């Protein structure tokens, strides 16, 4: 049985790594042509191209691994069926469960490996790529982060809890205005500021004024208050997207936002999605088995690629839609991130039962 297990796993790994390399090559080629004009316009050097796209490789591997597993399972089991090896194994008293269990166990190991890659390697790689593009290629200053910002502009010091550049939004703003002797003259607090028509507008601002002894003299509340801030959303650095933060970073950010009374829905959805994403590998392995049993005798590379792309596209569209529902609050974060996995998992189990082979 050990020899058989090694035979099945070796057949799967050959197809898996070939599919992984092929899909990654196509992905990098498309991304290269999308970014080529921007890099060329900013006179990027060859080393910038190499480092920029190298930083994206971990993310690419993370995203295409489920498809490579699906293709590997489909073609390895399908080849066994086409060459009658599967029939011979069954005739020798080896059940389908024992034949496929090495592939499912290996897929589970890939899930754990992928979680580690997503948690540590992907964020670091994307931050490197973003730094190369924004700082070394475009020449922007690398002084700002997207969380917990302190900076001075004119006679005021700004503290910002978080920046959401993709939404033109600042969260948790405090503005401290000082005189020439650095005595506090006024403090303005607002839960959010929106960038519109070329200026930042505070929402539900509270303005406190102080005298020379730093004693509060008056308090004013305004539903909206424009402020003078020369920085545009893009000047606050690259946004920390879901792919740029690991599960632990997102969990820490959610707790911080909730403790300080801010809406953390988007980050809660992203946190659950980060946890759920690696399990798509196991689901694709389960889906590949019944398709290989049904189409195995006529399986080939073209059918396998078409199957991987078709299932992958359907899964991606459903996951994107559910995530959007989660961001808008229609679904809670848990079902928004996990429903697509459960649905495709149930489909795979149902197909296995339907074949009458499970």
Protein backbone atom coordinates (compact mmCIF):
# COMPACT_ATOMS: atom_id res chain seq x y z
CA UNK A 1 0.00 0.00 0.00
CA UNK A 2 2.92 2.32 0.73
CA UNK A 3 4.23 1.78 -2.81
CA UNK A 4 0.81 2.53 -4.27
CA UNK A 5 0.51 5.70 -2.16
CA UNK A 6 3.90 6.92 -3.35
CA UNK A 7 2.92 6.16 -6.97
CA UNK A 8 -0.31 8.17 -6.73
CA UNK A 9 1.31 11.09 -4.93
CA UNK A 10 4.24 11.27 -7.37
CA UNK A 11 1.84 11.31 -10.33
CA UNK A 12 -0.19 14.07 -8.67
CA UNK A 13 2.86 16.19 -7.77
CA UNK A 14 4.22 16.13 -11.33
CA UNK A 15 0.96 17.49 -12.68
CA UNK A 16 0.51 19.90 -9.76
CA UNK A 17 3.90 21.60 -10.13
CA UNK A 18 3.57 21.76 -13.90
CA UNK A 19 0.14 23.40 -13.57
CA UNK A 20 1.44 25.75 -10.87
CA UNK A 21 4.32 26.91 -13.05
CA UNK A 22 2.11 27.29 -16.13
CA UNK A 23 -0.65 29.24 -14.38
CA UNK A 24 1.93 31.45 -12.61
CA UNK A 25 3.67 32.18 -15.92
CA UNK A 26 0.42 33.26 -17.57
CA UNK A 27 -0.54 35.35 -14.52
CA UNK A 28 2.86 37.11 -14.47
CA UNK A 29 2.74 37.73 -18.21
CA UNK A 30 -0.67 39.41 -18.00
CA UNK A 31 0.38 41.46 -14.97
CA UNK A 32 3.60 42.47 -16.72
CA UNK A 33 1.78 43.92 -19.73
CA UNK A 34 -0.69 45.72 -17.44
CA UNK A 35 2.12 47.41 -15.48
CA UNK A 36 4.66 47.78 -18.28
CA UNK A 37 3.53 51.23 -19.45
CA UNK A 38 3.54 52.66 -15.93
CA UNK A 39 6.98 51.27 -15.16
CA UNK A 40 8.32 52.45 -18.50
CA UNK A 41 6.89 55.97 -18.09
CA UNK A 42 8.71 56.32 -14.77
CA UNK A 43 11.96 55.01 -16.30
CA UNK A 44 12.16 51.98 -14.05
CA UNK A 45 15.45 50.11 -14.14
CA UNK A 46 15.64 46.35 -14.87
CA UNK A 47 16.21 45.58 -11.18
CA UNK A 48 12.93 47.34 -10.38
CA UNK A 49 11.07 45.05 -12.78
CA UNK A 50 12.65 41.97 -11.22
CA UNK A 51 12.00 42.99 -7.61
CA UNK A 52 8.49 44.28 -8.29
CA UNK A 53 7.25 41.09 -9.92
CA UNK A 54 9.24 38.85 -7.56
CA UNK A 55 7.29 40.34 -4.66
CA UNK A 56 4.04 39.34 -6.32
CA UNK A 57 4.99 35.69 -6.85
CA UNK A 58 3.83 34.51 -3.36
CA UNK A 59 0.39 36.06 -3.92
CA UNK A 60 0.15 34.52 -7.38
CA UNK A 61 1.06 31.08 -6.00
CA UNK A 62 -1.50 31.50 -3.23
CA UNK A 63 -4.27 32.35 -5.70
CA UNK A 64 -3.58 29.67 -8.30
CA UNK A 65 -2.75 26.76 -5.97
CA UNK A 66 -6.42 25.64 -5.67
CA UNK A 67 -6.68 25.46 -9.47
CA UNK A 68 -3.41 23.53 -9.71
CA UNK A 69 -4.66 21.07 -7.08
CA UNK A 70 -7.94 20.63 -8.97
CA UNK A 71 -6.08 19.97 -12.20
CA UNK A 72 -3.63 17.61 -10.48
CA UNK A 73 -6.37 15.52 -8.86
CA UNK A 74 -8.47 15.43 -12.03
CA UNK A 75 -5.64 14.34 -14.33
CA UNK A 76 -3.96 11.92 -11.91
CA UNK A 77 -7.20 10.07 -11.08
CA UNK A 78 -8.40 10.43 -14.67
CA UNK A 79 -5.21 8.90 -16.02
CA UNK A 80 -5.56 5.95 -13.66
CA UNK A 81 -9.09 5.42 -14.95
CA UNK A 82 -8.10 5.78 -18.61
CA UNK A 83 -5.25 3.26 -18.35
CA UNK A 84 -7.47 0.79 -16.42
CA UNK A 85 -5.14 1.03 -13.40
CA UNK A 86 -8.05 2.26 -11.27
CA UNK A 87 -10.09 -0.78 -12.30
CA UNK A 88 -7.21 -3.08 -11.42
CA UNK A 89 -6.84 -1.49 -8.00
CA UNK A 90 -10.55 -1.89 -7.30
CA UNK A 91 -10.42 -5.51 -8.47
CA UNK A 92 -7.57 -6.09 -6.03
CA UNK A 93 -9.78 -5.06 -3.14
CA UNK A 94 -8.51 -1.49 -2.74
CA UNK A 95 -11.39 0.87 -2.09
CA UNK A 96 -11.75 4.31 -3.68
CA UNK A 97 -11.34 5.85 -0.25
CA UNK A 98 -7.90 4.29 0.17
CA UNK A 99 -6.92 5.28 -3.37
CA UNK A 100 -7.86 8.94 -2.97
CA UNK A 101 -6.98 9.44 0.70
CA UNK A 102 -3.29 10.24 -0.06
CA UNK A 103 -4.41 13.07 -2.34
CA UNK A 104 -6.82 14.45 0.26
CA UNK A 105 -4.19 14.24 3.02
CA UNK A 106 -1.67 15.97 0.78
CA UNK A 107 -4.25 18.65 -0.03
CA UNK A 108 -4.79 19.21 3.69
CA UNK A 109 -1.03 19.65 4.12
CA UNK A 110 -1.07 22.21 1.30
CA UNK A 111 -3.89 24.04 3.14
CA UNK A 112 -1.65 24.42 6.21
CA UNK A 113 1.32 25.47 4.09
CA UNK A 114 -0.80 27.98 2.21
CA UNK A 115 -2.06 29.51 5.45
CA UNK A 116 1.55 30.11 6.51
CA UNK A 117 2.38 31.63 3.11
CA UNK A 118 -0.64 33.94 3.30
CA UNK A 119 0.17 34.93 6.86
CA UNK A 120 3.86 35.74 6.51
CA UNK A 121 5.22 35.64 2.95
CA UNK A 122 2.42 37.21 0.89
CA UNK A 123 2.12 40.44 2.97
CA UNK A 124 5.90 40.91 3.00
CA UNK A 125 6.14 40.35 -0.76
CA UNK A 126 3.33 42.77 -1.57
CA UNK A 127 4.77 45.44 0.71
CA UNK A 128 8.09 45.06 -1.08
CA UNK A 129 6.42 45.37 -4.50
CA UNK A 130 4.44 48.41 -3.39
CA UNK A 131 7.56 50.03 -1.94
CA UNK A 132 9.49 49.42 -5.17
CA UNK A 133 6.69 50.90 -7.28
CA UNK A 134 5.71 53.88 -5.12
CA UNK A 135 9.07 54.91 -3.67
CA UNK A 136 11.87 53.73 -5.94
CA UNK A 137 10.00 53.99 -9.26
CA UNK A 138 7.55 56.87 -8.72
CA UNK A 139 9.74 58.68 -6.22
CA UNK A 140 7.15 59.21 -3.47
CA UNK A 141 8.24 59.78 0.11
CA UNK A 142 8.14 56.69 2.27
CA UNK A 143 7.19 58.40 5.54
CA UNK A 144 3.54 57.57 6.07
CA UNK A 145 1.73 54.42 7.04
CA UNK A 146 -1.98 53.70 6.83
CA UNK A 147 -2.59 53.34 10.58
CA UNK A 148 -1.77 55.56 13.58
CA UNK A 149 -0.38 58.59 11.75
CA UNK A 150 1.22 61.59 13.42
CA UNK A 151 2.43 64.50 11.31
CA UNK A 152 2.67 68.29 11.43
CA UNK A 153 1.33 70.76 8.92
CA UNK A 154 1.64 74.50 9.60
CA UNK A 155 0.80 75.28 13.23
CA UNK A 156 -1.21 72.08 13.68
CA UNK A 157 -0.36 68.48 14.57
CA UNK A 158 -2.58 65.78 13.07
CA UNK A 159 -3.29 62.37 14.53
CA UNK A 160 -5.19 59.91 12.31
CA UNK A 161 -6.26 56.48 13.47
CA UNK A 162 -6.52 54.96 9.99
CA UNK A 163 -6.47 55.94 6.34
CA UNK A 164 -8.68 54.29 3.72
CA UNK A 165 -7.34 55.81 0.45
CA UNK A 166 -9.53 53.66 -1.79
CA UNK A 167 -12.61 55.26 -0.16
CA UNK A 168 -11.12 58.78 0.15
CA UNK A 169 -11.60 58.49 3.89
CA UNK A 170 -9.77 59.22 7.12
CA UNK A 171 -10.90 57.66 10.40
CA UNK A 172 -10.43 58.94 13.94
CA UNK A 173 -8.95 62.42 13.32
CA UNK A 174 -7.58 64.70 16.04
CA UNK A 175 -6.09 68.09 15.16
CA UNK A 176 -4.05 70.02 17.73
CA UNK A 177 -3.35 73.72 16.97
CA UNK A 178 -0.51 75.43 18.84
CA UNK A 179 0.84 78.97 19.15
CA UNK A 180 4.46 80.01 18.67
CA UNK A 181 5.29 78.97 22.26
CA UNK A 182 3.76 75.56 21.54
CA UNK A 183 0.80 76.21 23.80
CA UNK A 184 -2.40 74.40 22.85
CA UNK A 185 -4.96 76.79 21.32
CA UNK A 186 -7.57 74.37 19.99
CA UNK A 187 -8.31 70.69 19.57
CA UNK A 188 -10.62 69.32 16.89
CA UNK A 189 -11.87 65.73 16.98
CA UNK A 190 -13.95 63.90 14.37
CA UNK A 191 -14.78 60.24 13.75
CA UNK A 192 -14.14 60.62 10.02
CA UNK A 193 -13.12 62.97 7.23
CA UNK A 194 -14.14 62.64 3.57
CA UNK A 195 -12.13 63.97 0.63
CA UNK A 196 -14.39 65.70 -1.89
CA UNK A 197 -13.99 68.55 -4.35
CA UNK A 198 -10.30 68.77 -3.57
CA UNK A 199 -10.56 69.25 0.21
CA UNK A 200 -11.02 67.26 3.40
CA UNK A 201 -14.31 67.68 5.25
CA UNK A 202 -14.63 66.56 8.88
CA UNK A 203 -17.81 64.73 9.86
CA UNK A 204 -19.48 65.51 13.24
CA UNK A 205 -16.54 67.59 14.39
CA UNK A 206 -16.07 68.69 18.01
CA UNK A 207 -13.92 71.83 18.41
CA UNK A 208 -12.50 72.73 21.81
CA UNK A 209 -10.75 76.07 22.40
CA UNK A 210 -8.18 76.74 25.14
CA UNK A 211 -6.71 79.86 26.76
CA UNK A 212 -3.05 80.57 27.46
CA UNK A 213 -3.24 78.41 30.60
CA UNK A 214 -4.46 75.43 28.55
CA UNK A 215 -7.91 75.69 30.14
CA UNK A 216 -10.86 74.79 27.95
CA UNK A 217 -12.93 77.89 27.23
CA UNK A 218 -15.54 76.74 24.71
CA UNK A 219 -16.84 73.71 22.82
CA UNK A 220 -18.45 73.79 19.39
CA UNK A 221 -20.07 70.91 17.48
CA UNK A 222 -20.42 71.00 13.70
CA UNK A 223 -21.93 68.33 11.40
CA UNK A 224 -19.33 69.21 8.76
CA UNK A 225 -16.18 71.29 8.85
CA UNK A 226 -13.71 71.76 5.97
CA UNK A 227 -10.06 71.69 7.03
CA UNK A 228 -6.86 72.81 5.37
CA UNK A 229 -4.81 69.71 4.65
CA UNK A 230 -2.58 69.68 1.59
CA UNK A 231 -2.34 65.90 1.40
CA UNK A 232 -4.65 64.03 -1.00
CA UNK A 233 -5.72 60.40 -0.33
CA UNK A 234 -2.96 58.99 -2.51
CA UNK A 235 -0.34 60.93 -0.51
CA UNK A 236 -0.98 58.76 2.52
CA UNK A 237 0.81 55.82 0.94
CA UNK A 238 -0.55 52.62 -0.50
CA UNK A 239 -3.71 51.23 1.09
CA UNK A 240 -3.40 48.07 3.12
CA UNK A 241 -5.60 45.76 1.11
CA UNK A 242 -6.74 42.35 2.29
CA UNK A 243 -3.81 40.60 0.61
CA UNK A 244 -1.31 42.88 2.36
CA UNK A 245 -2.37 41.88 5.88
CA UNK A 246 -2.28 38.50 7.53
CA UNK A 247 -5.03 37.05 9.68
CA UNK A 248 -3.40 38.18 12.92
CA UNK A 249 -2.92 41.73 11.63
CA UNK A 250 -6.56 41.92 10.61
CA UNK A 251 -7.72 40.50 13.95
CA UNK A 252 -5.64 43.08 15.82
CA UNK A 253 -7.04 45.86 13.64
CA UNK A 254 -10.63 44.68 14.21
CA UNK A 255 -10.16 44.69 17.97
CA UNK A 256 -8.63 48.15 17.90
CA UNK A 257 -11.46 49.58 15.79
CA UNK A 258 -14.14 47.97 17.93
CA UNK A 259 -12.55 49.17 21.19
CA UNK A 260 -12.43 52.71 19.85
CA UNK A 261 -16.01 52.64 18.54
CA UNK A 262 -15.38 52.56 14.79
CA UNK A 263 -17.00 50.37 12.18
CA UNK A 264 -14.79 47.34 11.54
CA UNK A 265 -17.13 45.44 9.20
CA UNK A 266 -14.81 45.45 6.19
CA UNK A 267 -11.86 44.24 8.25
CA UNK A 268 -13.96 41.53 9.94
CA UNK A 269 -15.00 40.21 6.53
CA UNK A 270 -11.41 40.31 5.30
CA UNK A 271 -10.24 38.55 8.46
CA UNK A 272 -12.65 35.66 7.93
CA UNK A 273 -11.77 35.52 4.22
CA UNK A 274 -8.07 35.28 5.09
CA UNK A 275 -8.83 32.31 7.34
CA UNK A 276 -11.13 30.63 4.80
CA UNK A 277 -9.06 31.07 1.63
CA UNK A 278 -6.58 28.17 2.07
CA UNK A 279 -9.41 25.66 2.54
CA UNK A 280 -10.40 26.16 -1.11
CA UNK A 281 -7.49 23.79 -1.87
CA UNK A 282 -9.19 20.90 -0.05
CA UNK A 283 -12.55 21.73 -1.65
CA UNK A 284 -11.02 21.70 -5.15
CA UNK A 285 -9.45 18.31 -4.41
CA UNK A 286 -12.84 16.92 -3.38
CA UNK A 287 -14.42 18.37 -6.54
CA UNK A 288 -11.72 16.91 -8.78
CA UNK A 289 -12.34 13.30 -7.74
CA UNK A 290 -15.95 12.85 -8.98
CA UNK A 291 -15.22 14.72 -12.21
CA UNK A 292 -12.24 12.42 -12.82
CA UNK A 293 -14.38 9.33 -12.13
CA UNK A 294 -17.12 10.50 -14.49
CA UNK A 295 -14.89 11.81 -17.28
CA UNK A 296 -11.72 9.88 -16.51
CA UNK A 297 -11.70 7.58 -19.51
CA UNK A 298 -11.89 10.59 -21.81
CA UNK A 299 -9.85 13.02 -19.71
CA UNK A 300 -7.02 15.03 -21.15
CA UNK A 301 -5.05 18.20 -20.53
CA UNK A 302 -7.50 20.41 -22.45
CA UNK A 303 -10.48 19.08 -20.49
CA UNK A 304 -8.59 19.44 -17.22
CA UNK A 305 -7.62 23.06 -17.91
CA UNK A 306 -11.18 23.89 -19.01
CA UNK A 307 -12.55 22.27 -15.86
CA UNK A 308 -10.10 24.15 -13.60
CA UNK A 309 -10.79 27.50 -15.26
CA UNK A 310 -14.57 26.95 -15.26
CA UNK A 311 -14.83 25.90 -11.61
CA UNK A 312 -12.30 28.54 -10.57
CA UNK A 313 -14.23 31.29 -12.34
CA UNK A 314 -17.55 30.20 -10.82
CA UNK A 315 -16.00 30.04 -7.36
CA UNK A 316 -14.35 33.46 -7.73
CA UNK A 317 -17.55 35.14 -8.93
CA UNK A 318 -19.59 33.68 -6.08
CA UNK A 319 -16.94 34.54 -3.49
CA UNK A 320 -16.67 38.12 -4.80
CA UNK A 321 -20.44 38.58 -4.65
CA UNK A 322 -20.68 37.20 -1.12
CA UNK A 323 -17.78 39.36 0.05
CA UNK A 324 -19.53 42.43 -1.37
CA UNK A 325 -22.64 41.47 0.59
CA UNK A 326 -20.46 41.20 3.68
CA UNK A 327 -18.88 44.61 3.15
CA UNK A 328 -22.32 46.20 2.77
CA UNK A 329 -23.66 44.51 5.90
CA UNK A 330 -26.24 42.35 4.09
CA UNK A 331 -24.39 39.25 5.31
CA UNK A 332 -22.44 38.88 8.52
CA UNK A 333 -18.67 38.30 8.06
CA UNK A 334 -18.74 34.56 8.79
CA UNK A 335 -21.22 33.49 6.05
CA UNK A 336 -19.80 36.10 3.65
CA UNK A 337 -16.36 34.47 3.81
CA UNK A 338 -17.30 30.79 4.19
CA UNK A 339 -20.55 30.28 2.22
CA UNK A 340 -18.84 29.71 -1.14
CA UNK A 341 -16.56 27.11 0.47
CA UNK A 342 -19.49 25.28 2.04
CA UNK A 343 -21.52 25.34 -1.17
CA UNK A 344 -18.73 23.98 -3.36
CA UNK A 345 -17.79 21.48 -0.67
CA UNK A 346 -21.36 20.12 -0.54
CA UNK A 347 -21.42 19.97 -4.34
CA UNK A 348 -18.23 17.90 -4.32
CA UNK A 349 -19.57 15.48 -1.70
CA UNK A 350 -22.88 15.17 -3.55
CA UNK A 351 -21.09 14.39 -6.81
CA UNK A 352 -18.99 11.76 -5.04
CA UNK A 353 -22.14 10.10 -3.69
CA UNK A 354 -23.85 10.37 -7.07
CA UNK A 355 -21.09 8.44 -8.82
CA UNK A 356 -21.87 5.47 -6.58
CA UNK A 357 -18.13 5.04 -6.02
CA UNK A 358 -17.75 6.71 -2.59
